[in-house]
Amino acid sequence: MRRVLVTMLFACLVTGFVFALVPIAKAGTWEYDFTNADNWENDWQVIAGEFEVADGALKQTFESDDDNNVFRAIAMTNWEIGDGTIEARVMHSGEGLNDALVFYRMSDTDNGYASRLQLDGYITIGRITDGTHAHILYTAMPVEADVWYTIRIELEGDSITVYVDDVEYVTVNDDASLKGSIGFGMSRCSGGASLQWIKVTADDLTTASVDTKGKLTACWGDIKK
C-alpha cells in the first residue's frame, strides 16, 4: 500500500510539472459585451490613451491628431489566439481623423497586428511595432460616422483575411506574429470610436500560463479517497 501511495504521489508531481510546462490547447468561444461591463477595468488593460465605457461601448476619449499615437486597451485573458476568427462591432463618432483599430496576435502590448477601419474610407491590415501602426495592405471602402460596422478577421497560419459586414476586403500573408492577445483602440482620434462587443472563436485558445497552486493538494486528496 505504501508503495502504491508513493507511486501515485510521484505521478501527481510529474503531472503538475507537465501542466506547468506545456500550454493547453482547447477549442472555444470568448466574448466580451460592453453593454453590461461595470467592471471592465478589471478585464482590460489600458496600454496607451484614455478609455471609458459609456452608452454600452468602450470609447477612446483622449483626442489627438498625431498618427503615431496608437491608443490601445488589451483584453486580459489567460490565453493567446493563433488560428481562428475575431469579430468586433465598432462605430465612429463625429468628423475628422477618426479610425478604429481591432488588435490581434499581439505578442506583447506593443507588437502584433491591427485592422484599421478609417472614417475617410478604407480598411487595412497593419502591423504594430513598438507601439506604432504601419499599413501592410489597405483597400477602399465606404465608412460613415455613427454607423455600426462588424469587422471579422479570419486567421489561419500566416494568412489574415478581413471582412466588414460579411464582405471580404483584404487578405495578406505575414508571419511576424502567429499568436497573441486581442484588443481595441485607435491610431489617432479627433472624434472618437467605440467598441460594442468583441468575440473570438478558435480551435487553439492556448493558455499563456497555468497556475499550479493547489494541484498537488487536489491530487493528494484523490489518492486518499
Protein backbone atom coordinates (compact mmCIF):
# COMPACT_ATOMS: atom_id res chain seq x y z
CA MET A 1 0.00 0.00 0.00
CA ARG A 2 2.78 2.44 0.90
CA ARG A 3 4.45 1.74 -2.45
CA VAL A 4 1.17 2.44 -4.27
CA LEU A 5 0.68 5.73 -2.46
CA VAL A 6 4.25 6.83 -3.19
CA THR A 7 3.87 5.88 -6.85
CA MET A 8 0.61 7.82 -7.17
CA LEU A 9 2.05 10.87 -5.40
CA PHE A 10 5.02 10.82 -7.78
CA ALA A 11 2.59 10.67 -10.70
CA CYS A 12 0.78 13.74 -9.35
CA LEU A 13 4.06 15.65 -9.08
CA VAL A 14 5.02 14.74 -12.64
CA THR A 15 1.55 15.71 -13.87
CA GLY A 16 1.84 19.05 -12.09
CA PHE A 17 5.14 19.77 -13.81
CA VAL A 18 3.66 18.81 -17.18
CA PHE A 19 0.79 21.26 -16.66
CA ALA A 20 3.28 23.95 -15.70
CA LEU A 21 5.47 23.47 -18.77
CA VAL A 22 3.09 22.54 -21.61
CA PRO A 23 0.47 25.02 -22.92
CA ILE A 24 -3.05 23.65 -23.01
CA ALA A 25 -4.93 23.96 -26.31
CA LYS A 26 -8.70 23.90 -26.40
CA ALA A 27 -11.48 24.85 -28.76
CA GLY A 28 -13.86 27.52 -27.61
CA THR A 29 -15.55 30.90 -27.90
CA TRP A 30 -14.85 34.01 -25.84
CA GLU A 31 -16.99 37.15 -25.98
CA TYR A 32 -16.97 40.50 -24.21
CA ASP A 33 -20.04 42.74 -24.40
CA PHE A 34 -19.67 46.31 -23.11
CA THR A 35 -23.41 46.82 -22.79
CA ASN A 36 -23.02 45.12 -19.40
CA ALA A 37 -19.45 45.79 -18.29
CA ASP A 38 -19.41 47.50 -14.90
CA ASN A 39 -16.00 46.02 -14.04
CA TRP A 40 -14.38 46.39 -17.44
CA GLU A 41 -11.20 47.89 -15.96
CA ASN A 42 -10.54 44.55 -14.25
CA ASP A 43 -10.87 42.76 -17.60
CA TRP A 44 -8.98 45.13 -19.91
CA GLN A 45 -5.57 46.74 -19.54
CA VAL A 46 -5.25 50.27 -20.91
CA ILE A 47 -1.81 50.48 -22.51
CA ALA A 48 -1.98 53.95 -24.06
CA GLY A 49 -4.61 56.68 -24.22
CA GLU A 50 -7.70 57.21 -22.11
CA PHE A 51 -10.76 54.94 -22.30
CA GLU A 52 -14.20 54.86 -20.74
CA VAL A 53 -17.35 52.76 -21.04
CA ALA A 54 -20.39 54.86 -21.94
CA ASP A 55 -23.63 54.16 -23.82
CA GLY A 56 -22.84 50.45 -23.79
CA ALA A 57 -19.49 50.71 -25.56
CA LEU A 58 -15.77 51.13 -24.89
CA LYS A 59 -14.62 54.54 -26.13
CA GLN A 60 -11.22 56.15 -26.64
CA THR A 61 -11.67 59.60 -25.13
CA PHE A 62 -8.29 61.32 -25.46
CA GLU A 63 -8.13 63.36 -28.65
CA SER A 64 -5.01 63.60 -30.79
CA ASP A 65 -4.25 64.25 -34.47
CA ASP A 66 -0.86 62.52 -34.23
CA ASP A 67 -0.94 59.42 -36.45
CA ASN A 68 1.84 57.83 -34.38
CA ASN A 69 -0.25 57.72 -31.21
CA VAL A 70 -1.55 54.15 -31.14
CA PHE A 71 -4.06 54.14 -28.31
CA ARG A 72 -4.90 50.62 -27.17
CA ALA A 73 -6.58 48.54 -24.50
CA ILE A 74 -5.82 44.80 -24.40
CA ALA A 75 -8.22 42.12 -23.12
CA MET A 76 -6.81 40.41 -20.02
CA THR A 77 -7.48 36.76 -20.85
CA ASN A 78 -5.21 33.87 -19.86
CA TRP A 79 -4.94 32.59 -23.45
CA GLU A 80 -3.46 33.60 -26.76
CA ILE A 81 -5.16 33.14 -30.13
CA GLY A 82 -3.36 31.60 -33.08
CA ASP A 83 -5.82 30.44 -35.74
CA GLY A 84 -9.49 31.34 -35.54
CA THR A 85 -11.98 34.16 -36.06
CA ILE A 86 -12.26 37.53 -34.34
CA GLU A 87 -15.42 39.61 -34.69
CA ALA A 88 -15.94 43.13 -33.35
CA ARG A 89 -18.70 45.73 -33.64
CA VAL A 90 -17.30 49.25 -33.97
CA MET A 91 -18.56 52.75 -34.71
CA HIS A 92 -17.01 56.14 -35.45
CA SER A 93 -18.31 59.39 -33.97
CA GLY A 94 -18.16 62.89 -35.37
CA GLU A 95 -15.77 64.04 -38.06
CA GLY A 96 -12.05 64.39 -38.53
CA LEU A 97 -9.20 61.93 -38.23
CA ASN A 98 -11.16 59.04 -36.84
CA ASP A 99 -10.28 55.39 -37.06
CA ALA A 100 -10.87 52.22 -35.11
CA LEU A 101 -8.28 49.51 -34.54
CA VAL A 102 -9.02 45.90 -33.69
CA PHE A 103 -5.82 44.36 -32.35
CA TYR A 104 -4.93 40.68 -32.65
CA ARG A 105 -1.97 38.32 -32.31
CA MET A 106 -0.36 40.90 -30.02
CA SER A 107 2.77 39.09 -28.84
CA ASP A 108 3.07 41.78 -26.15
CA THR A 109 1.37 45.11 -25.50
CA ASP A 110 3.43 46.90 -28.18
CA ASN A 111 3.79 44.39 -31.02
CA GLY A 112 1.33 42.47 -33.20
CA TYR A 113 -1.36 43.28 -35.76
CA ALA A 114 -4.32 45.62 -36.12
CA SER A 115 -7.03 46.12 -38.70
CA ARG A 116 -7.95 49.73 -39.10
CA LEU A 117 -11.38 50.98 -40.19
CA GLN A 118 -10.81 54.57 -41.33
CA LEU A 119 -13.59 57.14 -41.48
CA ASP A 120 -12.34 58.65 -44.73
CA GLY A 121 -12.91 55.33 -46.45
CA TYR A 122 -10.64 52.31 -46.15
CA ILE A 123 -9.90 49.12 -44.22
CA THR A 124 -6.38 47.88 -43.50
CA ILE A 125 -4.27 45.09 -42.22
CA GLY A 126 -1.39 46.66 -40.35
CA ARG A 127 1.49 45.78 -38.10
CA ILE A 128 2.05 47.26 -34.63
CA THR A 129 5.78 47.60 -33.93
CA ASP A 130 6.97 49.17 -30.68
CA GLY A 131 3.52 50.75 -30.32
CA THR A 132 3.47 52.33 -33.78
CA HIS A 133 0.98 51.38 -36.52
CA ALA A 134 2.07 50.82 -40.12
CA HIS A 135 0.00 49.56 -43.06
CA ILE A 136 0.79 46.21 -44.66
CA LEU A 137 -2.11 46.45 -47.13
CA TYR A 138 -5.28 48.52 -47.39
CA THR A 139 -8.25 48.89 -49.68
CA ALA A 140 -11.00 51.45 -50.14
CA MET A 141 -14.46 51.00 -48.63
CA PRO A 142 -17.22 53.43 -47.64
CA VAL A 143 -17.17 54.26 -43.91
CA GLU A 144 -19.67 56.64 -42.33
CA ALA A 145 -19.88 58.20 -38.87
CA ASP A 146 -22.49 56.98 -36.36
CA VAL A 147 -22.95 53.65 -38.14
CA TRP A 148 -22.12 50.32 -36.51
CA TYR A 149 -19.85 48.03 -38.54
CA THR A 150 -18.95 44.41 -37.83
CA ILE A 151 -15.33 43.60 -38.56
CA ARG A 152 -14.42 39.92 -38.94
CA ILE A 153 -10.80 38.80 -39.02
CA GLU A 154 -10.03 35.23 -40.07
CA LEU A 155 -6.62 33.85 -39.08
CA GLU A 156 -5.08 30.67 -40.47
CA GLY A 157 -1.34 30.16 -40.29
CA ASP A 158 0.29 33.25 -41.79
CA SER A 159 -2.93 34.19 -43.65
CA ILE A 160 -5.02 37.15 -42.44
CA THR A 161 -8.35 37.99 -44.12
CA VAL A 162 -10.59 40.89 -43.09
CA TYR A 163 -14.32 41.24 -43.73
CA VAL A 164 -16.63 44.16 -42.95
CA ASP A 165 -20.33 43.32 -42.68
CA ASP A 166 -19.64 39.94 -44.34
CA VAL A 167 -17.90 41.49 -47.36
CA GLU A 168 -14.29 40.36 -47.90
CA TYR A 169 -11.94 43.31 -48.40
CA VAL A 170 -8.30 42.42 -47.84
CA THR A 171 -6.01 39.41 -47.38
CA VAL A 172 -2.29 39.23 -46.61
CA ASN A 173 0.26 36.60 -45.68
CA ASP A 174 2.54 37.68 -42.87
CA ASP A 175 4.26 35.71 -40.10
CA ALA A 176 5.66 38.43 -37.86
CA SER A 177 3.40 37.11 -35.07
CA LEU A 178 1.38 33.88 -35.17
CA LYS A 179 -0.18 34.02 -31.72
CA GLY A 180 -1.17 36.64 -29.19
CA SER A 181 -3.78 38.78 -27.42
CA ILE A 182 -6.64 40.91 -28.76
CA GLY A 183 -7.69 44.47 -28.09
CA PHE A 184 -9.25 47.71 -29.31
CA GLY A 185 -8.10 51.26 -29.84
CA MET A 186 -7.24 53.97 -32.34
CA SER A 187 -4.12 55.20 -34.08
CA ARG A 188 -5.40 58.77 -33.94
CA CYS A 189 -8.52 60.42 -32.58
CA SER A 190 -10.31 63.70 -33.05
CA GLY A 191 -13.87 62.46 -32.89
CA GLY A 192 -13.72 59.06 -31.22
CA ALA A 193 -14.55 55.44 -31.94
CA SER A 194 -16.47 52.84 -29.95
CA LEU A 195 -16.37 49.07 -29.45
CA GLN A 196 -19.71 47.50 -28.52
CA TRP A 197 -18.59 43.86 -28.36
CA ILE A 198 -15.77 41.58 -29.43
CA LYS A 199 -15.84 37.80 -29.90
CA VAL A 200 -13.18 35.16 -30.55
CA THR A 201 -13.85 31.67 -31.88
CA ALA A 202 -10.82 29.42 -32.18
CA ASP A 203 -9.55 25.86 -32.09
CA ASP A 204 -6.43 26.89 -30.19
CA LEU A 205 -7.27 29.25 -27.36
CA THR A 206 -3.95 28.37 -25.73
CA THR A 207 -3.27 29.28 -22.13
CA ALA A 208 -0.29 31.58 -21.79
CA SER A 209 0.44 30.26 -18.30
CA VAL A 210 -1.01 27.69 -15.90
CA ASP A 211 -1.31 28.28 -12.18
CA THR A 212 -0.28 25.01 -10.50
CA LYS A 213 -1.11 26.23 -6.99
CA GLY A 214 -3.38 23.72 -5.29
CA LYS A 215 -2.91 20.97 -7.87
CA LEU A 216 -0.81 18.83 -5.53
CA THR A 217 -3.40 19.20 -2.77
CA ALA A 218 -6.21 18.20 -5.14
CA CYS A 219 -4.26 15.22 -6.43
CA TRP A 220 -3.27 14.11 -2.92
CA GLY A 221 -6.92 14.32 -1.93
CA ASP A 222 -7.81 11.97 -4.77
CA ILE A 223 -5.18 9.47 -3.61
CA LYS A 224 -6.52 9.39 -0.08
CA LYS A 225 -10.10 8.69 -1.16
